[in-house]
Amino acid sequence: MRNLKRIVLAVFILLLVLVILAFVLENQQSVSLLFLGLAGPQMPVSLLMVLALLVGMLIGPLLGWFVGRSSRVARKRLV
């Protein structure tokens, strides 16, 4: 049973890597983002998407931690 879980996990990770690789290879055209009048450097679309994903993966848990922390402090004040 333990080996089956490892095999399933390995297959899942391999498929995920293949999907990411296909995404990166299919989205190589360069774009420049313009935000509030500031233009960014020319980068492939896939790189921008991966960077946005990583930033979201960092900001999401930080916001969750901050909200959870502030609600715990508020609960302590009520007790």
PDB file of N, CA and C in Angstrom:
ATOM      1  N   MET A   1       0.820  -1.197   0.000  1.00  0.00           N
ATOM      2  CA  MET A   1       0.000   0.000   0.000  1.00  0.00           C
ATOM      3  C   MET A   1       0.869   1.269   0.000  1.00  0.00           C
ATOM      4  N   ARG A   2       1.947   1.203   0.778  1.00  0.00           N
ATOM      5  CA  ARG A   2       2.841   2.352   0.855  1.00  0.00           C
ATOM      6  C   ARG A   2       3.530   2.601  -0.481  1.00  0.00           C
ATOM      7  N   ASN A   3       3.936   1.519  -1.147  1.00  0.00           N
ATOM      8  CA  ASN A   3       4.582   1.661  -2.456  1.00  0.00           C
ATOM      9  C   ASN A   3       3.606   2.175  -3.505  1.00  0.00           C
ATOM     10  N   LEU A   4       2.346   1.774  -3.403  1.00  0.00           N
ATOM     11  CA  LEU A   4       1.331   2.245  -4.349  1.00  0.00           C
ATOM     12  C   LEU A   4       1.157   3.759  -4.225  1.00  0.00           C
ATOM     13  N   LYS A   5       1.138   4.271  -3.003  1.00  0.00           N
ATOM     14  CA  LYS A   5       1.011   5.712  -2.793  1.00  0.00           C
ATOM     15  C   LYS A   5       2.205   6.447  -3.389  1.00  0.00           C
ATOM     16  N   ARG A   6       3.392   5.889  -3.216  1.00  0.00           N
ATOM     17  CA  ARG A   6       4.589   6.518  -3.788  1.00  0.00           C
ATOM     18  C   ARG A   6       4.548   6.518  -5.307  1.00  0.00           C
ATOM     19  N   ILE A   7       4.084   5.426  -5.886  1.00  0.00           N
ATOM     20  CA  ILE A   7       4.000   5.336  -7.345  1.00  0.00           C
ATOM     21  C   ILE A   7       2.975   6.328  -7.880  1.00  0.00           C
ATOM     22  N   VAL A   8       1.817   6.406  -7.232  1.00  0.00           N
ATOM     23  CA  VAL A   8       0.784   7.351  -7.662  1.00  0.00           C
ATOM     24  C   VAL A   8       1.294   8.780  -7.538  1.00  0.00           C
ATOM     25  N   LEU A   9       1.971   9.091  -6.444  1.00  0.00           N
ATOM     26  CA  LEU A   9       2.529  10.425  -6.261  1.00  0.00           C
ATOM     27  C   LEU A   9       3.585  10.735  -7.323  1.00  0.00           C
ATOM     28  N   ALA A  10       4.444   9.777  -7.620  1.00  0.00           N
ATOM     29  CA  ALA A  10       5.474   9.972  -8.639  1.00  0.00           C
ATOM     30  C   ALA A  10       4.852  10.198 -10.010  1.00  0.00           C
ATOM     31  N   VAL A  11       3.810   9.453 -10.347  1.00  0.00           N
ATOM     32  CA  VAL A  11       3.129   9.625 -11.639  1.00  0.00           C
ATOM     33  C   VAL A  11       2.459  10.994 -11.697  1.00  0.00           C
ATOM     34  N   PHE A  12       1.825  11.398 -10.597  1.00  0.00           N
ATOM     35  CA  PHE A  12       1.178  12.702 -10.554  1.00  0.00           C
ATOM     36  C   PHE A  12       2.195  13.821 -10.746  1.00  0.00           C
ATOM     37  N   ILE A  13       3.321  13.749 -10.062  1.00  0.00           N
ATOM     38  CA  ILE A  13       4.360  14.774 -10.189  1.00  0.00           C
ATOM     39  C   ILE A  13       4.928  14.787 -11.603  1.00  0.00           C
ATOM     40  N   LEU A  14       5.137  13.622 -12.195  1.00  0.00           N
ATOM     41  CA  LEU A  14       5.636  13.547 -13.563  1.00  0.00           C
ATOM     42  C   LEU A  14       4.651  14.188 -14.544  1.00  0.00           C
ATOM     43  N   LEU A  15       3.368  13.900 -14.391  1.00  0.00           N
ATOM     44  CA  LEU A  15       2.357  14.512 -15.259  1.00  0.00           C
ATOM     45  C   LEU A  15       2.309  16.029 -15.072  1.00  0.00           C
ATOM     46  N   LEU A  16       2.422  16.480 -13.832  1.00  0.00           N
ATOM     47  CA  LEU A  16       2.417  17.914 -13.560  1.00  0.00           C
ATOM     48  C   LEU A  16       3.613  18.596 -14.217  1.00  0.00           C
ATOM     49  N   VAL A  17       4.782  17.981 -14.126  1.00  0.00           N
ATOM     50  CA  VAL A  17       5.981  18.530 -14.766  1.00  0.00           C
ATOM     51  C   VAL A  17       5.807  18.564 -16.282  1.00  0.00           C
ATOM     52  N   LEU A  18       5.231  17.532 -16.846  1.00  0.00           N
ATOM     53  CA  LEU A  18       5.016  17.513 -18.295  1.00  0.00           C
ATOM     54  C   LEU A  18       4.028  18.590 -18.740  1.00  0.00           C
ATOM     55  N   VAL A  19       2.984  18.818 -17.974  1.00  0.00           N
ATOM     56  CA  VAL A  19       2.013  19.864 -18.312  1.00  0.00           C
ATOM     57  C   VAL A  19       2.670  21.236 -18.221  1.00  0.00           C
ATOM     58  N   ILE A  20       3.457  21.462 -17.192  1.00  0.00           N
ATOM     59  CA  ILE A  20       4.153  22.745 -17.046  1.00  0.00           C
ATOM     60  C   ILE A  20       5.152  22.944 -18.183  1.00  0.00           C
ATOM     61  N   LEU A  21       5.870  21.893 -18.534  1.00  0.00           N
ATOM     62  CA  LEU A  21       6.821  21.977 -19.643  1.00  0.00           C
ATOM     63  C   LEU A  21       6.110  22.295 -20.957  1.00  0.00           C
ATOM     64  N   ALA A  22       4.988  21.653 -21.216  1.00  0.00           N
ATOM     65  CA  ALA A  22       4.222  21.935 -22.433  1.00  0.00           C
ATOM     66  C   ALA A  22       3.731  23.374 -22.437  1.00  0.00           C
ATOM     67  N   PHE A  23       3.271  23.874 -21.276  1.00  0.00           N
ATOM     68  CA  PHE A  23       2.819  25.262 -21.178  1.00  0.00           C
ATOM     69  C   PHE A  23       3.944  26.229 -21.490  1.00  0.00           C
ATOM     70  N   VAL A  24       5.114  25.979 -20.923  1.00  0.00           N
ATOM     71  CA  VAL A  24       6.261  26.871 -21.135  1.00  0.00           C
ATOM     72  C   VAL A  24       6.692  26.842 -22.600  1.00  0.00           C
ATOM     73  N   LEU A  25       6.722  25.675 -23.194  1.00  0.00           N
ATOM     74  CA  LEU A  25       7.163  25.566 -24.593  1.00  0.00           C
ATOM     75  C   LEU A  25       6.163  26.187 -25.560  1.00  0.00           C
ATOM     76  N   GLU A  26       4.893  26.184 -25.227  1.00  0.00           N
ATOM     77  CA  GLU A  26       3.875  26.733 -26.124  1.00  0.00           C
ATOM     78  C   GLU A  26       3.702  28.246 -25.980  1.00  0.00           C
ATOM     79  N   ASN A  27       4.238  28.838 -24.931  1.00  0.00           N
ATOM     80  CA  ASN A  27       4.031  30.266 -24.671  1.00  0.00           C
ATOM     81  C   ASN A  27       5.361  31.001 -24.594  1.00  0.00           C
ATOM     82  N   GLN A  28       6.099  30.986 -25.676  1.00  0.00           N
ATOM     83  CA  GLN A  28       7.410  31.625 -25.715  1.00  0.00           C
ATOM     84  C   GLN A  28       7.387  33.035 -26.299  1.00  0.00           C
ATOM     85  N   GLN A  29       6.245  33.514 -26.787  1.00  0.00           N
ATOM     86  CA  GLN A  29       6.212  34.853 -27.362  1.00  0.00           C
ATOM     87  C   GLN A  29       6.432  35.892 -26.268  1.00  0.00           C
ATOM     88  N   SER A  30       7.201  36.923 -26.590  1.00  0.00           N
ATOM     89  CA  SER A  30       7.549  37.952 -25.614  1.00  0.00           C
ATOM     90  C   SER A  30       6.473  39.022 -25.553  1.00  0.00           C
ATOM     91  N   VAL A  31       6.231  39.488 -24.339  1.00  0.00           N
ATOM     92  CA  VAL A  31       5.287  40.579 -24.112  1.00  0.00           C
ATOM     93  C   VAL A  31       5.911  41.535 -23.106  1.00  0.00           C
ATOM     94  N   SER A  32       5.395  42.750 -23.093  1.00  0.00           N
ATOM     95  CA  SER A  32       5.816  43.743 -22.115  1.00  0.00           C
ATOM     96  C   SER A  32       4.565  44.232 -21.401  1.00  0.00           C
ATOM     97  N   LEU A  33       4.566  44.157 -20.093  1.00  0.00           N
ATOM     98  CA  LEU A  33       3.416  44.615 -19.327  1.00  0.00           C
ATOM     99  C   LEU A  33       3.519  46.106 -19.076  1.00  0.00           C
ATOM    100  N   LEU A  34       2.366  46.776 -19.119  1.00  0.00           N
ATOM    101  CA  LEU A  34       2.286  48.205 -18.857  1.00  0.00           C
ATOM    102  C   LEU A  34       1.329  48.394 -17.693  1.00  0.00           C
ATOM    103  N   PHE A  35       1.812  48.964 -16.588  1.00  0.00           N
ATOM    104  CA  PHE A  35       0.989  49.155 -15.395  1.00  0.00           C
ATOM    105  C   PHE A  35       1.262  50.541 -14.826  1.00  0.00           C
ATOM    106  N   LEU A  36       0.230  51.353 -14.740  1.00  0.00           N
ATOM    107  CA  LEU A  36       0.317  52.722 -14.228  1.00  0.00           C
ATOM    108  C   LEU A  36       1.396  53.538 -14.953  1.00  0.00           C
ATOM    109  N   GLY A  37       1.483  53.336 -16.242  1.00  0.00           N
ATOM    110  CA  GLY A  37       2.433  54.091 -17.047  1.00  0.00           C
ATOM    111  C   GLY A  37       3.849  53.550 -17.029  1.00  0.00           C
ATOM    112  N   LEU A  38       4.097  52.494 -16.251  1.00  0.00           N
ATOM    113  CA  LEU A  38       5.437  51.906 -16.193  1.00  0.00           C
ATOM    114  C   LEU A  38       5.459  50.643 -17.050  1.00  0.00           C
ATOM    115  N   ALA A  39       6.395  50.587 -17.965  1.00  0.00           N
ATOM    116  CA  ALA A  39       6.512  49.423 -18.839  1.00  0.00           C
ATOM    117  C   ALA A  39       7.574  48.486 -18.285  1.00  0.00           C
ATOM    118  N   GLY A  40       7.239  47.209 -18.264  1.00  0.00           N
ATOM    119  CA  GLY A  40       8.193  46.203 -17.814  1.00  0.00           C
ATOM    120  C   GLY A  40       9.046  45.717 -18.968  1.00  0.00           C
ATOM    121  N   PRO A  41      10.063  44.935 -18.665  1.00  0.00           N
ATOM    122  CA  PRO A  41      10.924  44.408 -19.735  1.00  0.00           C
ATOM    123  C   PRO A  41      10.186  43.347 -20.553  1.00  0.00           C
ATOM    124  N   GLN A  42      10.676  43.083 -21.736  1.00  0.00           N
ATOM    125  CA  GLN A  42      10.120  42.030 -22.591  1.00  0.00           C
ATOM    126  C   GLN A  42      10.429  40.675 -21.961  1.00  0.00           C
ATOM    127  N   MET A  43       9.394  39.888 -21.716  1.00  0.00           N
ATOM    128  CA  MET A  43       9.546  38.548 -21.141  1.00  0.00           C
ATOM    129  C   MET A  43       8.571  37.603 -21.814  1.00  0.00           C
ATOM    130  N   PRO A  44       8.906  36.316 -21.839  1.00  0.00           N
ATOM    131  CA  PRO A  44       7.946  35.350 -22.365  1.00  0.00           C
ATOM    132  C   PRO A  44       6.697  35.281 -21.481  1.00  0.00           C
ATOM    133  N   VAL A  45       5.561  35.012 -22.095  1.00  0.00           N
ATOM    134  CA  VAL A  45       4.290  34.910 -21.370  1.00  0.00           C
ATOM    135  C   VAL A  45       4.385  33.848 -20.280  1.00  0.00           C
ATOM    136  N   SER A  46       5.011  32.738 -20.573  1.00  0.00           N
ATOM    137  CA  SER A  46       5.093  31.653 -19.594  1.00  0.00           C
ATOM    138  C   SER A  46       5.854  32.084 -18.345  1.00  0.00           C
ATOM    139  N   LEU A  47       6.909  32.888 -18.510  1.00  0.00           N
ATOM    140  CA  LEU A  47       7.664  33.353 -17.357  1.00  0.00           C
ATOM    141  C   LEU A  47       6.815  34.280 -16.496  1.00  0.00           C
ATOM    142  N   LEU A  48       6.061  35.163 -17.123  1.00  0.00           N
ATOM    143  CA  LEU A  48       5.181  36.052 -16.369  1.00  0.00           C
ATOM    144  C   LEU A  48       4.114  35.266 -15.603  1.00  0.00           C
ATOM    145  N   MET A  49       3.566  34.237 -16.237  1.00  0.00           N
ATOM    146  CA  MET A  49       2.544  33.424 -15.574  1.00  0.00           C
ATOM    147  C   MET A  49       3.124  32.671 -14.380  1.00  0.00           C
ATOM    148  N   VAL A  50       4.312  32.118 -14.542  1.00  0.00           N
ATOM    149  CA  VAL A  50       4.943  31.372 -13.441  1.00  0.00           C
ATOM    150  C   VAL A  50       5.299  32.330 -12.306  1.00  0.00           C
ATOM    151  N   LEU A  51       5.791  33.523 -12.634  1.00  0.00           N
ATOM    152  CA  LEU A  51       6.085  34.510 -11.594  1.00  0.00           C
ATOM    153  C   LEU A  51       4.821  34.931 -10.852  1.00  0.00           C
ATOM    154  N   ALA A  52       3.724  35.136 -11.580  1.00  0.00           N
ATOM    155  CA  ALA A  52       2.462  35.497 -10.936  1.00  0.00           C
ATOM    156  C   ALA A  52       1.978  34.376 -10.018  1.00  0.00           C
ATOM    157  N   LEU A  53       2.152  33.135 -10.451  1.00  0.00           N
ATOM    158  CA  LEU A  53       1.776  31.988  -9.621  1.00  0.00           C
ATOM    159  C   LEU A  53       2.604  31.948  -8.338  1.00  0.00           C
ATOM    160  N   LEU A  54       3.908  32.144  -8.449  1.00  0.00           N
ATOM    161  CA  LEU A  54       4.778  32.107  -7.273  1.00  0.00           C
ATOM    162  C   LEU A  54       4.479  33.251  -6.307  1.00  0.00           C
ATOM    163  N   VAL A  55       4.223  34.431  -6.832  1.00  0.00           N
ATOM    164  CA  VAL A  55       3.876  35.562  -5.971  1.00  0.00           C
ATOM    165  C   VAL A  55       2.557  35.278  -5.249  1.00  0.00           C
ATOM    166  N   GLY A  56       1.592  34.725  -5.955  1.00  0.00           N
ATOM    167  CA  GLY A  56       0.320  34.376  -5.324  1.00  0.00           C
ATOM    168  C   GLY A  56       0.476  33.305  -4.267  1.00  0.00           C
ATOM    169  N   MET A  57       1.376  32.356  -4.515  1.00  0.00           N
ATOM    170  CA  MET A  57       1.608  31.296  -3.536  1.00  0.00           C
ATOM    171  C   MET A  57       2.300  31.838  -2.289  1.00  0.00           C
ATOM    172  N   LEU A  58       2.997  32.950  -2.400  1.00  0.00           N
ATOM    173  CA  LEU A  58       3.621  33.583  -1.235  1.00  0.00           C
ATOM    174  C   LEU A  58       2.653  34.509  -0.504  1.00  0.00           C
ATOM    175  N   ILE A  59       1.904  35.299  -1.243  1.00  0.00           N
ATOM    176  CA  ILE A  59       1.010  36.280  -0.637  1.00  0.00           C
ATOM    177  C   ILE A  59      -0.195  35.612   0.023  1.00  0.00           C
ATOM    178  N   GLY A  60      -0.748  34.580  -0.580  1.00  0.00           N
ATOM    179  CA  GLY A  60      -1.930  33.921  -0.029  1.00  0.00           C
ATOM    180  C   GLY A  60      -1.740  33.414   1.391  1.00  0.00           C
ATOM    181  N   PRO A  61      -0.736  32.587   1.643  1.00  0.00           N
ATOM    182  CA  PRO A  61      -0.519  32.121   3.023  1.00  0.00           C
ATOM    183  C   PRO A  61      -0.172  33.247   3.995  1.00  0.00           C
ATOM    184  N   LEU A  62       0.548  34.269   3.537  1.00  0.00           N
ATOM    185  CA  LEU A  62       0.859  35.393   4.420  1.00  0.00           C
ATOM    186  C   LEU A  62      -0.404  36.132   4.836  1.00  0.00           C
ATOM    187  N   LEU A  63      -1.312  36.348   3.894  1.00  0.00           N
ATOM    188  CA  LEU A  63      -2.577  36.989   4.236  1.00  0.00           C
ATOM    189  C   LEU A  63      -3.405  36.107   5.165  1.00  0.00           C
ATOM    190  N   GLY A  64      -3.429  34.807   4.898  1.00  0.00           N
ATOM    191  CA  GLY A  64      -4.144  33.882   5.773  1.00  0.00           C
ATOM    192  C   GLY A  64      -3.590  33.886   7.183  1.00  0.00           C
ATOM    193  N   TRP A  65      -2.267  33.915   7.299  1.00  0.00           N
ATOM    194  CA  TRP A  65      -1.637  33.961   8.616  1.00  0.00           C
ATOM    195  C   TRP A  65      -1.982  35.263   9.327  1.00  0.00           C
ATOM    196  N   PHE A  66      -1.932  36.380   8.594  1.00  0.00           N
ATOM    197  CA  PHE A  66      -2.217  37.676   9.193  1.00  0.00           C
ATOM    198  C   PHE A  66      -3.663  37.758   9.669  1.00  0.00           C
ATOM    199  N   VAL A  67      -4.608  37.309   8.858  1.00  0.00           N
ATOM    200  CA  VAL A  67      -6.020  37.342   9.246  1.00  0.00           C
ATOM    201  C   VAL A  67      -6.268  36.411  10.425  1.00  0.00           C
ATOM    202  N   GLY A  68      -5.676  35.234  10.403  1.00  0.00           N
ATOM    203  CA  GLY A  68      -5.835  34.300  11.517  1.00  0.00           C
ATOM    204  C   GLY A  68      -5.246  34.849  12.796  1.00  0.00           C
ATOM    205  N   ARG A  69      -4.130  35.511  12.686  1.00  0.00           N
ATOM    206  CA  ARG A  69      -3.472  36.094  13.861  1.00  0.00           C
ATOM    207  C   ARG A  69      -4.321  37.206  14.444  1.00  0.00           C
ATOM    208  N   SER A  70      -4.846  38.079  13.589  1.00  0.00           N
ATOM    209  CA  SER A  70      -5.654  39.192  14.091  1.00  0.00           C
ATOM    210  C   SER A  70      -6.970  38.696  14.687  1.00  0.00           C
ATOM    211  N   SER A  71      -7.553  37.635  14.139  1.00  0.00           N
ATOM    212  CA  SER A  71      -8.791  37.117  14.721  1.00  0.00           C
ATOM    213  C   SER A  71      -8.522  36.435  16.061  1.00  0.00           C
ATOM    214  N   ARG A  72      -7.360  35.794  16.217  1.00  0.00           N
ATOM    215  CA  ARG A  72      -7.007  35.197  17.511  1.00  0.00           C
ATOM    216  C   ARG A  72      -6.818  36.273  18.569  1.00  0.00           C
ATOM    217  N   VAL A  73      -6.194  37.386  18.190  1.00  0.00           N
ATOM    218  CA  VAL A  73      -5.999  38.481  19.131  1.00  0.00           C
ATOM    219  C   VAL A  73      -7.348  39.067  19.536  1.00  0.00           C
ATOM    220  N   ALA A  74      -8.267  39.200  18.575  1.00  0.00           N
ATOM    221  CA  ALA A  74      -9.589  39.736  18.881  1.00  0.00           C
ATOM    222  C   ALA A  74     -10.353  38.799  19.811  1.00  0.00           C
ATOM    223  N   ARG A  75     -10.218  37.489  19.612  1.00  0.00           N
ATOM    224  CA  ARG A  75     -10.889  36.526  20.497  1.00  0.00           C
ATOM    225  C   ARG A  75     -10.334  36.585  21.907  1.00  0.00           C
ATOM    226  N   LYS A  76      -9.027  36.798  22.032  1.00  0.00           N
ATOM    227  CA  LYS A  76      -8.427  36.898  23.364  1.00  0.00           C
ATOM    228  C   LYS A  76      -8.929  38.118  24.110  1.00  0.00           C
ATOM    229  N   ARG A  77      -9.176  39.202  23.396  1.00  0.00           N
ATOM    230  CA  ARG A  77      -9.684  40.417  24.013  1.00  0.00           C
ATOM    231  C   ARG A  77     -11.108  40.208  24.529  1.00  0.00           C
ATOM    232  N   LEU A  78     -11.902  39.392  23.855  1.00  0.00           N
ATOM    233  CA  LEU A  78     -13.284  39.154  24.259  1.00  0.00           C
ATOM    234  C   LEU A  78     -13.371  38.268  25.508  1.00  0.00           C
ATOM    235  N   VAL A  79     -12.351  37.451  25.733  1.00  0.00           N
ATOM    236  CA  VAL A  79     -12.394  36.506  26.861  1.00  0.00           C
ATOM    237  C   VAL A  79     -11.945  37.127  28.132  1.00  0.00           C
TER     238      VAL A  79
END
